[in-house]
């Protein structure tokens, strides 16, 4: 017979505690939790064993206790067990968790990344998912792309818009993989500074335009999701870090549910990550004609350039190729020259 599992609410009910207290026990290493599509489940045997342990170790005279809820039929021993609260929680082994994530079979899914963020940042699956959703919602905000601009995220990559038939698609090009690897080595062990949050909030959530790109994004996501700015900033920082770790592998794809897929590309001696936009995400953007008007990309016939410049995606080397208008003009001249030459031949013959 296969193992039986309980949701966090069911496990908490069996122990006579709240789901929040259940998570506290897990963070203290008292019970193992198993990721399950953004939430957590617990082995019934583990819950039963924890109930016995807590019952045998219960000390009603403890100075910092809270009484549990009414007994749940089936596990009476855990009914009146006080919940001991600890101010310090064990810090997750981030390096080990990253290794486990990177060891997954390609493509690494957005759900796997959300589960990772939930554990490392010690937030719920819903909180981690809201930051990931907020990141993508911010990436398709048309305000970033007015006046032909792009969304440039330092040390990460560049988001732009491109045409997909009559629709608008989101495009992305990461920093070169070698550059990302060097950056990760330089920053190894560093954590996100939150001093700016204190200053920003003391000033009444002042001028966000003076913040860095990633911090401005954290402010926007916190505002849109109505979540704590510190929590959002911490999760967003870890999101950028772990995605860069995947980029540094140079081989694993990332599949973002209902959005698209990031995959490595190579050209000469360089490699980077590109983004294939799904139709599901494209449908959330204006059609291409409207995008041209909103972003200033529309070009009139009178100002049409004579040549197109084609540039290597990473090196910047470019070469000019005749535009369609120039090619058409050249063809017309060739035809006229041929006709004139033929007329001359006929005149001589006559």
C-alpha atoms as a PDB file:
ATOM      1  CA  UNK A   1       0.000   0.000   0.000  1.00  0.00           C
ATOM      2  CA  UNK A   2       1.324   3.441  -0.870  1.00  0.00           C
ATOM      3  CA  UNK A   3       2.098   6.129   1.641  1.00  0.00           C
ATOM      4  CA  UNK A   4      -0.689   8.370   2.879  1.00  0.00           C
ATOM      5  CA  UNK A   5      -0.229  12.119   3.073  1.00  0.00           C
ATOM      6  CA  UNK A   6      -1.986  14.993   4.809  1.00  0.00           C
ATOM      7  CA  UNK A   7      -2.262  18.612   3.760  1.00  0.00           C
ATOM      8  CA  UNK A   8      -0.812  21.172   6.138  1.00  0.00           C
ATOM      9  CA  UNK A   9      -4.308  21.974   7.408  1.00  0.00           C
ATOM     10  CA  UNK A  10      -5.091  18.291   8.040  1.00  0.00           C
ATOM     11  CA  UNK A  11      -1.743  17.689   9.760  1.00  0.00           C
ATOM     12  CA  UNK A  12      -2.230  20.758  11.960  1.00  0.00           C
ATOM     13  CA  UNK A  13      -5.739  19.593  12.884  1.00  0.00           C
ATOM     14  CA  UNK A  14      -4.424  16.168  13.929  1.00  0.00           C
ATOM     15  CA  UNK A  15      -1.875  17.869  16.187  1.00  0.00           C
ATOM     16  CA  UNK A  16      -4.396  20.387  17.481  1.00  0.00           C
ATOM     17  CA  UNK A  17      -2.414  23.411  16.299  1.00  0.00           C
ATOM     18  CA  UNK A  18      -2.698  26.049  13.565  1.00  0.00           C
ATOM     19  CA  UNK A  19      -1.120  25.717  10.094  1.00  0.00           C
ATOM     20  CA  UNK A  20       1.272  28.545  11.029  1.00  0.00           C
ATOM     21  CA  UNK A  21       2.446  26.589  14.076  1.00  0.00           C
ATOM     22  CA  UNK A  22       2.789  23.520  11.875  1.00  0.00           C
ATOM     23  CA  UNK A  23       5.144  25.434   9.584  1.00  0.00           C
ATOM     24  CA  UNK A  24       7.100  26.599  12.624  1.00  0.00           C
ATOM     25  CA  UNK A  25       7.627  22.984  13.674  1.00  0.00           C
ATOM     26  CA  UNK A  26       8.824  22.168  10.150  1.00  0.00           C
ATOM     27  CA  UNK A  27      11.252  25.100  10.132  1.00  0.00           C
ATOM     28  CA  UNK A  28      12.649  23.848  13.431  1.00  0.00           C
ATOM     29  CA  UNK A  29      13.295  20.467  11.805  1.00  0.00           C
ATOM     30  CA  UNK A  30      10.660  18.595  13.808  1.00  0.00           C
ATOM     31  CA  UNK A  31       8.930  17.108  10.763  1.00  0.00           C
ATOM     32  CA  UNK A  32       9.617  16.660   7.070  1.00  0.00           C
ATOM     33  CA  UNK A  33       7.419  18.412   4.528  1.00  0.00           C
ATOM     34  CA  UNK A  34       7.113  17.431   0.867  1.00  0.00           C
ATOM     35  CA  UNK A  35       6.546  20.008  -1.933  1.00  0.00           C
ATOM     36  CA  UNK A  36       3.297  19.484  -3.822  1.00  0.00           C
ATOM     37  CA  UNK A  37       2.530  22.058  -6.567  1.00  0.00           C
ATOM     38  CA  UNK A  38       3.135  25.176  -4.507  1.00  0.00           C
ATOM     39  CA  UNK A  39       1.785  23.736  -1.240  1.00  0.00           C
ATOM     40  CA  UNK A  40       3.065  21.151   1.237  1.00  0.00           C
ATOM     41  CA  UNK A  41       2.026  17.691   2.356  1.00  0.00           C
ATOM     42  CA  UNK A  42       3.076  15.544   5.321  1.00  0.00           C
ATOM     43  CA  UNK A  43       3.439  11.790   5.782  1.00  0.00           C
ATOM     44  CA  UNK A  44       0.750  10.411   8.138  1.00  0.00           C
ATOM     45  CA  UNK A  45       3.356   8.263   9.934  1.00  0.00           C
ATOM     46  CA  UNK A  46       5.533  11.336  10.536  1.00  0.00           C
ATOM     47  CA  UNK A  47       2.568  13.259  11.954  1.00  0.00           C
ATOM     48  CA  UNK A  48       1.660  10.381  14.284  1.00  0.00           C
ATOM     49  CA  UNK A  49       5.253  10.038  15.491  1.00  0.00           C
ATOM     50  CA  UNK A  50       5.501  13.782  16.100  1.00  0.00           C
ATOM     51  CA  UNK A  51       2.304  13.616  18.156  1.00  0.00           C
ATOM     52  CA  UNK A  52       3.809  10.910  20.391  1.00  0.00           C
ATOM     53  CA  UNK A  53       7.073  12.828  20.781  1.00  0.00           C
ATOM     54  CA  UNK A  54       5.335  16.073  21.675  1.00  0.00           C
ATOM     55  CA  UNK A  55       3.117  14.296  24.188  1.00  0.00           C
ATOM     56  CA  UNK A  56       6.098  12.724  25.965  1.00  0.00           C
ATOM     57  CA  UNK A  57       8.055  15.994  26.038  1.00  0.00           C
ATOM     58  CA  UNK A  58       5.176  18.269  27.049  1.00  0.00           C
ATOM     59  CA  UNK A  59       6.059  20.604  29.933  1.00  0.00           C
ATOM     60  CA  UNK A  60       3.064  22.678  31.050  1.00  0.00           C
ATOM     61  CA  UNK A  61       5.283  24.869  33.243  1.00  0.00           C
ATOM     62  CA  UNK A  62       7.170  26.328  30.273  1.00  0.00           C
ATOM     63  CA  UNK A  63       7.297  30.118  30.320  1.00  0.00           C
ATOM     64  CA  UNK A  64       6.375  30.588  26.661  1.00  0.00           C
ATOM     65  CA  UNK A  65       3.539  28.299  25.676  1.00  0.00           C
ATOM     66  CA  UNK A  66       0.157  28.485  24.011  1.00  0.00           C
ATOM     67  CA  UNK A  67      -2.611  25.955  24.557  1.00  0.00           C
ATOM     68  CA  UNK A  68      -3.587  23.823  21.589  1.00  0.00           C
ATOM     69  CA  UNK A  69      -7.064  23.460  20.153  1.00  0.00           C
ATOM     70  CA  UNK A  70      -9.712  20.900  21.088  1.00  0.00           C
ATOM     71  CA  UNK A  71      -8.753  17.215  20.639  1.00  0.00           C
ATOM     72  CA  UNK A  72      -9.058  15.545  17.288  1.00  0.00           C
ATOM     73  CA  UNK A  73     -10.425  12.021  17.326  1.00  0.00           C
ATOM     74  CA  UNK A  74      -7.738   9.438  16.591  1.00  0.00           C
ATOM     75  CA  UNK A  75      -4.724  11.213  18.096  1.00  0.00           C
ATOM     76  CA  UNK A  76      -5.795  12.099  21.613  1.00  0.00           C
ATOM     77  CA  UNK A  77      -2.256  12.161  23.007  1.00  0.00           C
ATOM     78  CA  UNK A  78      -1.478  15.415  21.183  1.00  0.00           C
ATOM     79  CA  UNK A  79      -4.604  17.236  22.273  1.00  0.00           C
ATOM     80  CA  UNK A  80      -3.426  19.394  25.144  1.00  0.00           C
ATOM     81  CA  UNK A  81       0.213  19.585  24.138  1.00  0.00           C
ATOM     82  CA  UNK A  82       1.538  23.146  24.524  1.00  0.00           C
ATOM     83  CA  UNK A  83       3.367  24.623  21.550  1.00  0.00           C
ATOM     84  CA  UNK A  84       6.863  25.808  22.462  1.00  0.00           C
ATOM     85  CA  UNK A  85       7.818  28.931  20.500  1.00  0.00           C
ATOM     86  CA  UNK A  86      11.408  29.600  19.484  1.00  0.00           C
ATOM     87  CA  UNK A  87      12.692  32.925  18.256  1.00  0.00           C
ATOM     88  CA  UNK A  88      15.429  31.398  16.118  1.00  0.00           C
ATOM     89  CA  UNK A  89      14.727  29.227  13.076  1.00  0.00           C
ATOM     90  CA  UNK A  90      17.323  27.098  11.306  1.00  0.00           C
ATOM     91  CA  UNK A  91      18.643  28.694   8.146  1.00  0.00           C
ATOM     92  CA  UNK A  92      18.050  26.520   5.048  1.00  0.00           C
ATOM     93  CA  UNK A  93      21.142  25.162   3.288  1.00  0.00           C
ATOM     94  CA  UNK A  94      20.803  27.367   0.213  1.00  0.00           C
ATOM     95  CA  UNK A  95      23.766  25.865  -1.646  1.00  0.00           C
ATOM     96  CA  UNK A  96      22.424  22.336  -1.221  1.00  0.00           C
ATOM     97  CA  UNK A  97      18.921  23.351  -2.291  1.00  0.00           C
ATOM     98  CA  UNK A  98      20.342  25.066  -5.379  1.00  0.00           C
ATOM     99  CA  UNK A  99      22.330  21.970  -6.282  1.00  0.00           C
ATOM    100  CA  UNK A 100      19.170  19.888  -6.003  1.00  0.00           C
ATOM    101  CA  UNK A 101      17.275  22.322  -8.233  1.00  0.00           C
ATOM    102  CA  UNK A 102      20.042  22.399 -10.857  1.00  0.00           C
ATOM    103  CA  UNK A 103      20.208  18.596 -10.818  1.00  0.00           C
ATOM    104  CA  UNK A 104      16.636  18.383 -12.103  1.00  0.00           C
ATOM    105  CA  UNK A 105      15.971  17.173 -15.601  1.00  0.00           C
ATOM    106  CA  UNK A 106      15.632  19.927 -18.216  1.00  0.00           C
ATOM    107  CA  UNK A 107      13.427  21.879 -18.525  1.00  0.00           C
ATOM    108  CA  UNK A 108      13.301  23.196 -14.971  1.00  0.00           C
ATOM    109  CA  UNK A 109       9.719  24.296 -14.382  1.00  0.00           C
ATOM    110  CA  UNK A 110       8.494  27.513 -12.827  1.00  0.00           C
ATOM    111  CA  UNK A 111       6.744  25.408 -10.172  1.00  0.00           C
ATOM    112  CA  UNK A 112      10.081  23.885  -9.136  1.00  0.00           C
ATOM    113  CA  UNK A 113      11.513  27.400  -8.823  1.00  0.00           C
ATOM    114  CA  UNK A 114       8.505  28.535  -6.755  1.00  0.00           C
ATOM    115  CA  UNK A 115       8.917  25.559  -4.400  1.00  0.00           C
ATOM    116  CA  UNK A 116      12.620  26.399  -4.044  1.00  0.00           C
ATOM    117  CA  UNK A 117      11.889  30.068  -3.273  1.00  0.00           C
ATOM    118  CA  UNK A 118       9.303  29.058  -0.686  1.00  0.00           C
ATOM    119  CA  UNK A 119      11.819  26.959   1.262  1.00  0.00           C
ATOM    120  CA  UNK A 120      14.859  29.229   0.922  1.00  0.00           C
ATOM    121  CA  UNK A 121      13.004  32.466   1.734  1.00  0.00           C
ATOM    122  CA  UNK A 122      10.786  30.791   4.372  1.00  0.00           C
ATOM    123  CA  UNK A 123       7.538  32.012   2.865  1.00  0.00           C
ATOM    124  CA  UNK A 124       4.397  30.200   1.769  1.00  0.00           C
ATOM    125  CA  UNK A 125       4.046  28.790  -1.716  1.00  0.00           C
ATOM    126  CA  UNK A 126       1.407  31.422  -2.466  1.00  0.00           C
ATOM    127  CA  UNK A 127       3.750  34.230  -1.397  1.00  0.00           C
ATOM    128  CA  UNK A 128       6.560  32.909  -3.603  1.00  0.00           C
ATOM    129  CA  UNK A 129       4.191  32.444  -6.532  1.00  0.00           C
ATOM    130  CA  UNK A 130       2.846  35.986  -6.167  1.00  0.00           C
ATOM    131  CA  UNK A 131       6.373  37.399  -6.600  1.00  0.00           C
ATOM    132  CA  UNK A 132       7.021  35.257  -9.689  1.00  0.00           C
ATOM    133  CA  UNK A 133       3.673  36.333 -11.148  1.00  0.00           C
ATOM    134  CA  UNK A 134       4.464  39.937 -10.238  1.00  0.00           C
ATOM    135  CA  UNK A 135       7.799  39.727 -12.030  1.00  0.00           C
ATOM    136  CA  UNK A 136       6.156  38.585 -15.273  1.00  0.00           C
ATOM    137  CA  UNK A 137       3.312  41.081 -14.969  1.00  0.00           C
ATOM    138  CA  UNK A 138       5.919  43.804 -14.623  1.00  0.00           C
ATOM    139  CA  UNK A 139       7.856  42.522 -17.644  1.00  0.00           C
ATOM    140  CA  UNK A 140       4.820  42.964 -19.932  1.00  0.00           C
ATOM    141  CA  UNK A 141       3.967  46.441 -18.636  1.00  0.00           C
ATOM    142  CA  UNK A 142       3.880  48.562 -21.800  1.00  0.00           C
ATOM    143  CA  UNK A 143       5.174  51.555 -19.858  1.00  0.00           C
ATOM    144  CA  UNK A 144       8.683  50.054 -20.044  1.00  0.00           C
ATOM    145  CA  UNK A 145       8.686  50.104 -23.836  1.00  0.00           C
ATOM    146  CA  UNK A 146       7.533  53.621 -24.725  1.00  0.00           C
ATOM    147  CA  UNK A 147       9.723  55.662 -27.078  1.00  0.00           C
ATOM    148  CA  UNK A 148      11.297  52.431 -28.355  1.00  0.00           C
ATOM    149  CA  UNK A 149      12.839  51.667 -25.001  1.00  0.00           C
ATOM    150  CA  UNK A 150      13.618  48.246 -23.505  1.00  0.00           C
ATOM    151  CA  UNK A 151      13.448  46.837 -19.974  1.00  0.00           C
ATOM    152  CA  UNK A 152      17.116  46.445 -19.068  1.00  0.00           C
ATOM    153  CA  UNK A 153      17.786  44.492 -15.858  1.00  0.00           C
ATOM    154  CA  UNK A 154      21.474  44.868 -14.893  1.00  0.00           C
ATOM    155  CA  UNK A 155      23.514  41.641 -14.688  1.00  0.00           C
ATOM    156  CA  UNK A 156      20.456  39.682 -15.890  1.00  0.00           C
ATOM    157  CA  UNK A 157      19.262  40.591 -19.373  1.00  0.00           C
ATOM    158  CA  UNK A 158      17.037  42.714 -21.595  1.00  0.00           C
ATOM    159  CA  UNK A 159      13.309  42.399 -22.331  1.00  0.00           C
ATOM    160  CA  UNK A 160      11.991  43.836 -25.602  1.00  0.00           C
ATOM    161  CA  UNK A 161       8.889  43.536 -27.783  1.00  0.00           C
ATOM    162  CA  UNK A 162       8.757  41.833 -31.167  1.00  0.00           C
ATOM    163  CA  UNK A 163       6.209  41.011 -33.798  1.00  0.00           C
ATOM    164  CA  UNK A 164       4.484  37.614 -33.865  1.00  0.00           C
ATOM    165  CA  UNK A 165       2.345  37.749 -37.015  1.00  0.00           C
ATOM    166  CA  UNK A 166      -0.241  40.405 -36.116  1.00  0.00           C
ATOM    167  CA  UNK A 167       0.357  39.999 -32.384  1.00  0.00           C
ATOM    168  CA  UNK A 168       2.998  41.317 -30.005  1.00  0.00           C
ATOM    169  CA  UNK A 169       5.418  38.949 -28.338  1.00  0.00           C
ATOM    170  CA  UNK A 170       7.819  39.386 -25.435  1.00  0.00           C
ATOM    171  CA  UNK A 171      11.486  38.814 -26.256  1.00  0.00           C
ATOM    172  CA  UNK A 172      14.401  38.365 -23.858  1.00  0.00           C
ATOM    173  CA  UNK A 173      18.162  38.097 -24.216  1.00  0.00           C
ATOM    174  CA  UNK A 174      20.233  37.295 -21.154  1.00  0.00           C
ATOM    175  CA  UNK A 175      23.700  38.543 -20.388  1.00  0.00           C
ATOM    176  CA  UNK A 176      26.397  36.289 -21.891  1.00  0.00           C
ATOM    177  CA  UNK A 177      26.765  33.092 -19.875  1.00  0.00           C
ATOM    178  CA  UNK A 178      30.471  33.744 -19.175  1.00  0.00           C
ATOM    179  CA  UNK A 179      29.619  37.180 -17.778  1.00  0.00           C
ATOM    180  CA  UNK A 180      26.928  35.698 -15.539  1.00  0.00           C
ATOM    181  CA  UNK A 181      29.339  33.067 -14.221  1.00  0.00           C
ATOM    182  CA  UNK A 182      31.926  35.698 -13.302  1.00  0.00           C
ATOM    183  CA  UNK A 183      29.280  37.802 -11.580  1.00  0.00           C
ATOM    184  CA  UNK A 184      28.057  34.850  -9.513  1.00  0.00           C
ATOM    185  CA  UNK A 185      31.606  34.067  -8.394  1.00  0.00           C
ATOM    186  CA  UNK A 186      32.162  37.668  -7.303  1.00  0.00           C
ATOM    187  CA  UNK A 187      28.911  37.766  -5.323  1.00  0.00           C
ATOM    188  CA  UNK A 188      29.071  34.285  -3.806  1.00  0.00           C
ATOM    189  CA  UNK A 189      27.706  34.355  -0.259  1.00  0.00           C
ATOM    190  CA  UNK A 190      26.302  37.886  -0.422  1.00  0.00           C
ATOM    191  CA  UNK A 191      22.721  38.560   0.633  1.00  0.00           C
ATOM    192  CA  UNK A 192      20.276  41.280  -0.306  1.00  0.00           C
ATOM    193  CA  UNK A 193      20.696  44.530   1.635  1.00  0.00           C
ATOM    194  CA  UNK A 194      17.452  45.842   3.134  1.00  0.00           C
ATOM    195  CA  UNK A 195      18.767  49.148   4.497  1.00  0.00           C
ATOM    196  CA  UNK A 196      17.238  51.018   1.567  1.00  0.00           C
ATOM    197  CA  UNK A 197      13.780  49.759   2.586  1.00  0.00           C
ATOM    198  CA  UNK A 198      14.019  51.476   5.980  1.00  0.00           C
ATOM    199  CA  UNK A 199      14.983  54.762   4.351  1.00  0.00           C
ATOM    200  CA  UNK A 200      12.370  54.411   1.606  1.00  0.00           C
ATOM    201  CA  UNK A 201       9.557  53.711   4.063  1.00  0.00           C
ATOM    202  CA  UNK A 202      10.656  56.440   6.485  1.00  0.00           C
ATOM    203  CA  UNK A 203      10.353  58.914   3.638  1.00  0.00           C
ATOM    204  CA  UNK A 204       6.740  57.869   3.120  1.00  0.00           C
ATOM    205  CA  UNK A 205       7.472  55.536   0.196  1.00  0.00           C
ATOM    206  CA  UNK A 206       9.115  58.436  -1.616  1.00  0.00           C
ATOM    207  CA  UNK A 207      10.591  58.754  -5.078  1.00  0.00           C
ATOM    208  CA  UNK A 208      11.019  55.204  -6.405  1.00  0.00           C
ATOM    209  CA  UNK A 209      12.620  56.515  -9.611  1.00  0.00           C
ATOM    210  CA  UNK A 210      15.838  57.064  -7.652  1.00  0.00           C
ATOM    211  CA  UNK A 211      16.050  53.354  -6.801  1.00  0.00           C
ATOM    212  CA  UNK A 212      17.833  50.703  -8.853  1.00  0.00           C
ATOM    213  CA  UNK A 213      15.900  48.739 -11.485  1.00  0.00           C
ATOM    214  CA  UNK A 214      15.439  45.650  -9.301  1.00  0.00           C
ATOM    215  CA  UNK A 215      14.421  47.679  -6.243  1.00  0.00           C
ATOM    216  CA  UNK A 216      11.882  49.645  -8.269  1.00  0.00           C
ATOM    217  CA  UNK A 217      10.499  46.345  -9.500  1.00  0.00           C
ATOM    218  CA  UNK A 218      10.218  45.090  -5.898  1.00  0.00           C
ATOM    219  CA  UNK A 219       8.309  48.250  -4.925  1.00  0.00           C
ATOM    220  CA  UNK A 220       5.894  47.824  -7.840  1.00  0.00           C
ATOM    221  CA  UNK A 221       5.295  44.139  -7.103  1.00  0.00           C
ATOM    222  CA  UNK A 222       4.740  44.786  -3.387  1.00  0.00           C
ATOM    223  CA  UNK A 223       2.241  47.513  -4.253  1.00  0.00           C
ATOM    224  CA  UNK A 224       0.375  45.380  -6.804  1.00  0.00           C
ATOM    225  CA  UNK A 225       0.233  42.256  -4.625  1.00  0.00           C
ATOM    226  CA  UNK A 226      -0.324  44.080  -1.314  1.00  0.00           C
ATOM    227  CA  UNK A 227       2.536  42.147   0.291  1.00  0.00           C
ATOM    228  CA  UNK A 228       5.344  43.192   2.602  1.00  0.00           C
ATOM    229  CA  UNK A 229       8.125  44.977   0.700  1.00  0.00           C
ATOM    230  CA  UNK A 230      10.891  43.210   2.636  1.00  0.00           C
ATOM    231  CA  UNK A 231       9.471  39.813   1.800  1.00  0.00           C
ATOM    232  CA  UNK A 232       8.973  40.691  -1.870  1.00  0.00           C
ATOM    233  CA  UNK A 233      12.492  42.095  -2.158  1.00  0.00           C
ATOM    234  CA  UNK A 234      14.014  39.001  -0.540  1.00  0.00           C
ATOM    235  CA  UNK A 235      12.113  36.586  -2.805  1.00  0.00           C
ATOM    236  CA  UNK A 236      12.787  38.662  -5.943  1.00  0.00           C
ATOM    237  CA  UNK A 237      16.515  38.848  -5.130  1.00  0.00           C
ATOM    238  CA  UNK A 238      16.625  35.054  -4.740  1.00  0.00           C
ATOM    239  CA  UNK A 239      14.614  34.616  -7.954  1.00  0.00           C
ATOM    240  CA  UNK A 240      17.176  36.574  -9.983  1.00  0.00           C
ATOM    241  CA  UNK A 241      20.026  34.707  -8.296  1.00  0.00           C
ATOM    242  CA  UNK A 242      18.714  31.199  -8.884  1.00  0.00           C
ATOM    243  CA  UNK A 243      17.707  31.927 -12.500  1.00  0.00           C
ATOM    244  CA  UNK A 244      21.238  33.241 -13.107  1.00  0.00           C
ATOM    245  CA  UNK A 245      22.567  29.987 -11.616  1.00  0.00           C
ATOM    246  CA  UNK A 246      20.510  28.104 -14.203  1.00  0.00           C
ATOM    247  CA  UNK A 247      21.835  30.415 -16.937  1.00  0.00           C
ATOM    248  CA  UNK A 248      25.374  29.701 -15.731  1.00  0.00           C
ATOM    249  CA  UNK A 249      24.835  25.997 -16.387  1.00  0.00           C
ATOM    250  CA  UNK A 250      24.588  26.887 -20.072  1.00  0.00           C
ATOM    251  CA  UNK A 251      22.413  23.860 -20.806  1.00  0.00           C
ATOM    252  CA  UNK A 252      19.223  23.684 -18.705  1.00  0.00           C
ATOM    253  CA  UNK A 253      16.030  25.181 -20.109  1.00  0.00           C
ATOM    254  CA  UNK A 254      13.468  26.994 -17.947  1.00  0.00           C
ATOM    255  CA  UNK A 255       9.788  26.501 -18.701  1.00  0.00           C
ATOM    256  CA  UNK A 256       7.619  29.292 -17.311  1.00  0.00           C
ATOM    257  CA  UNK A 257       4.041  28.030 -17.122  1.00  0.00           C
ATOM    258  CA  UNK A 258       1.717  29.772 -19.627  1.00  0.00           C
ATOM    259  CA  UNK A 259       4.444  32.308 -20.452  1.00  0.00           C
ATOM    260  CA  UNK A 260       7.293  30.825 -22.408  1.00  0.00           C
ATOM    261  CA  UNK A 261      10.601  29.012 -22.355  1.00  0.00           C
ATOM    262  CA  UNK A 262      14.131  30.268 -21.783  1.00  0.00           C
ATOM    263  CA  UNK A 263      16.762  28.220 -23.600  1.00  0.00           C
ATOM    264  CA  UNK A 264      20.496  28.547 -24.298  1.00  0.00           C
ATOM    265  CA  UNK A 265      21.735  29.740 -27.698  1.00  0.00           C
ATOM    266  CA  UNK A 266      25.258  29.822 -29.111  1.00  0.00           C
ATOM    267  CA  UNK A 267      26.911  31.996 -31.737  1.00  0.00           C
ATOM    268  CA  UNK A 268      30.614  31.654 -32.445  1.00  0.00           C
ATOM    269  CA  UNK A 269      32.337  31.653 -29.036  1.00  0.00           C
ATOM    270  CA  UNK A 270      29.473  33.145 -27.039  1.00  0.00           C
ATOM    271  CA  UNK A 271      26.369  31.691 -25.440  1.00  0.00           C
ATOM    272  CA  UNK A 272      23.354  33.315 -23.834  1.00  0.00           C
ATOM    273  CA  UNK A 273      19.694  32.587 -23.078  1.00  0.00           C
ATOM    274  CA  UNK A 274      16.797  33.477 -25.353  1.00  0.00           C
ATOM    275  CA  UNK A 275      13.038  33.458 -24.677  1.00  0.00           C
ATOM    276  CA  UNK A 276      10.318  31.812 -26.761  1.00  0.00           C
ATOM    277  CA  UNK A 277       7.050  33.583 -25.976  1.00  0.00           C
ATOM    278  CA  UNK A 278       3.915  31.435 -25.719  1.00  0.00           C
ATOM    279  CA  UNK A 279       0.705  32.567 -27.412  1.00  0.00           C
ATOM    280  CA  UNK A 280      -0.911  32.594 -23.972  1.00  0.00           C
ATOM    281  CA  UNK A 281       1.374  35.432 -22.897  1.00  0.00           C
ATOM    282  CA  UNK A 282       1.187  37.192 -26.265  1.00  0.00           C
ATOM    283  CA  UNK A 283      -2.604  37.338 -25.900  1.00  0.00           C
ATOM    284  CA  UNK A 284      -2.156  39.597 -22.862  1.00  0.00           C
ATOM    285  CA  UNK A 285      -0.328  42.195 -24.969  1.00  0.00           C
ATOM    286  CA  UNK A 286      -1.863  44.630 -27.501  1.00  0.00           C
ATOM    287  CA  UNK A 287      -1.837  43.617 -31.165  1.00  0.00           C
ATOM    288  CA  UNK A 288       1.212  44.727 -33.158  1.00  0.00           C
ATOM    289  CA  UNK A 289      -0.432  47.758 -34.766  1.00  0.00           C
ATOM    290  CA  UNK A 290      -1.449  49.129 -31.363  1.00  0.00           C
ATOM    291  CA  UNK A 291       1.971  48.306 -29.942  1.00  0.00           C
ATOM    292  CA  UNK A 292       3.603  50.387 -32.667  1.00  0.00           C
ATOM    293  CA  UNK A 293       1.435  53.362 -31.746  1.00  0.00           C
ATOM    294  CA  UNK A 294       1.979  52.944 -27.992  1.00  0.00           C
ATOM    295  CA  UNK A 295       5.741  52.573 -28.219  1.00  0.00           C
ATOM    296  CA  UNK A 296       6.517  54.920 -31.127  1.00  0.00           C
ATOM    297  CA  UNK A 297       7.648  52.088 -33.373  1.00  0.00           C
ATOM    298  CA  UNK A 298       5.409  53.048 -36.314  1.00  0.00           C
ATOM    299  CA  UNK A 299       7.457  54.358 -39.295  1.00  0.00           C
ATOM    300  CA  UNK A 300       5.868  56.428 -42.087  1.00  0.00           C
ATOM    301  CA  UNK A 301       6.663  55.755 -45.754  1.00  0.00           C
ATOM    302  CA  UNK A 302       8.249  59.197 -46.201  1.00  0.00           C
ATOM    303  CA  UNK A 303      10.811  58.467 -43.479  1.00  0.00           C
ATOM    304  CA  UNK A 304      11.473  54.851 -44.435  1.00  0.00           C
ATOM    305  CA  UNK A 305      15.181  54.133 -44.175  1.00  0.00           C
ATOM    306  CA  UNK A 306      17.065  53.044 -47.276  1.00  0.00           C
ATOM    307  CA  UNK A 307      18.988  50.229 -45.630  1.00  0.00           C
ATOM    308  CA  UNK A 308      18.447  47.790 -42.831  1.00  0.00           C
ATOM    309  CA  UNK A 309      21.290  47.071 -40.428  1.00  0.00           C
ATOM    310  CA  UNK A 310      21.695  43.491 -39.333  1.00  0.00           C
ATOM    311  CA  UNK A 311      23.675  43.029 -36.160  1.00  0.00           C
ATOM    312  CA  UNK A 312      25.073  39.918 -34.538  1.00  0.00           C
ATOM    313  CA  UNK A 313      22.954  39.237 -31.439  1.00  0.00           C
ATOM    314  CA  UNK A 314      25.929  39.328 -29.068  1.00  0.00           C
ATOM    315  CA  UNK A 315      29.091  40.794 -30.708  1.00  0.00           C
ATOM    316  CA  UNK A 316      27.658  43.982 -32.156  1.00  0.00           C
ATOM    317  CA  UNK A 317      29.229  43.510 -35.620  1.00  0.00           C
ATOM    318  CA  UNK A 318      26.845  44.806 -38.247  1.00  0.00           C
ATOM    319  CA  UNK A 319      26.430  44.886 -41.975  1.00  0.00           C
ATOM    320  CA  UNK A 320      24.023  46.838 -44.164  1.00  0.00           C
ATOM    321  CA  UNK A 321      21.654  45.110 -46.522  1.00  0.00           C
ATOM    322  CA  UNK A 322      19.473  46.870 -49.109  1.00  0.00           C
ATOM    323  CA  UNK A 323      15.924  47.457 -47.979  1.00  0.00           C
ATOM    324  CA  UNK A 324      13.017  46.033 -50.011  1.00  0.00           C
ATOM    325  CA  UNK A 325      12.375  49.509 -51.496  1.00  0.00           C
ATOM    326  CA  UNK A 326      15.997  49.794 -52.662  1.00  0.00           C
ATOM    327  CA  UNK A 327      15.899  46.285 -54.091  1.00  0.00           C
ATOM    328  CA  UNK A 328      12.694  47.054 -56.015  1.00  0.00           C
ATOM    329  CA  UNK A 329      14.240  50.253 -57.435  1.00  0.00           C
ATOM    330  CA  UNK A 330      17.318  48.334 -58.535  1.00  0.00           C
ATOM    331  CA  UNK A 331      15.179  45.765 -60.330  1.00  0.00           C
ATOM    332  CA  UNK A 332      13.273  48.516 -62.174  1.00  0.00           C
ATOM    333  CA  UNK A 333      16.500  50.160 -63.350  1.00  0.00           C
ATOM    334  CA  UNK A 334      17.774  46.815 -64.620  1.00  0.00           C
ATOM    335  CA  UNK A 335      14.577  46.257 -66.634  1.00  0.00           C
ATOM    336  CA  UNK A 336      14.741  49.753 -68.170  1.00  0.00           C
ATOM    337  CA  UNK A 337      18.380  49.329 -69.169  1.00  0.00           C
ATOM    338  CA  UNK A 338      17.540  46.013 -70.818  1.00  0.00           C
ATOM    339  CA  UNK A 339      14.637  47.560 -72.778  1.00  0.00           C
ATOM    340  CA  UNK A 340      16.774  50.488 -73.977  1.00  0.00           C
ATOM    341  CA  UNK A 341      19.562  48.138 -75.055  1.00  0.00           C
ATOM    342  CA  UNK A 342      17.081  45.948 -76.937  1.00  0.00           C
ATOM    343  CA  UNK A 343      15.600  49.010 -78.670  1.00  0.00           C
ATOM    344  CA  UNK A 344      19.083  50.032 -79.787  1.00  0.00           C
ATOM    345  CA  UNK A 345      19.750  46.610 -81.242  1.00  0.00           C
ATOM    346  CA  UNK A 346      16.467  46.689 -83.190  1.00  0.00           C
ATOM    347  CA  UNK A 347      17.218  50.183 -84.543  1.00  0.00           C
ATOM    348  CA  UNK A 348      20.605  49.065 -85.846  1.00  0.00           C
ATOM    349  CA  UNK A 349      19.036  46.021 -87.444  1.00  0.00           C
ATOM    350  CA  UNK A 350      16.481  48.190 -89.293  1.00  0.00           C
END
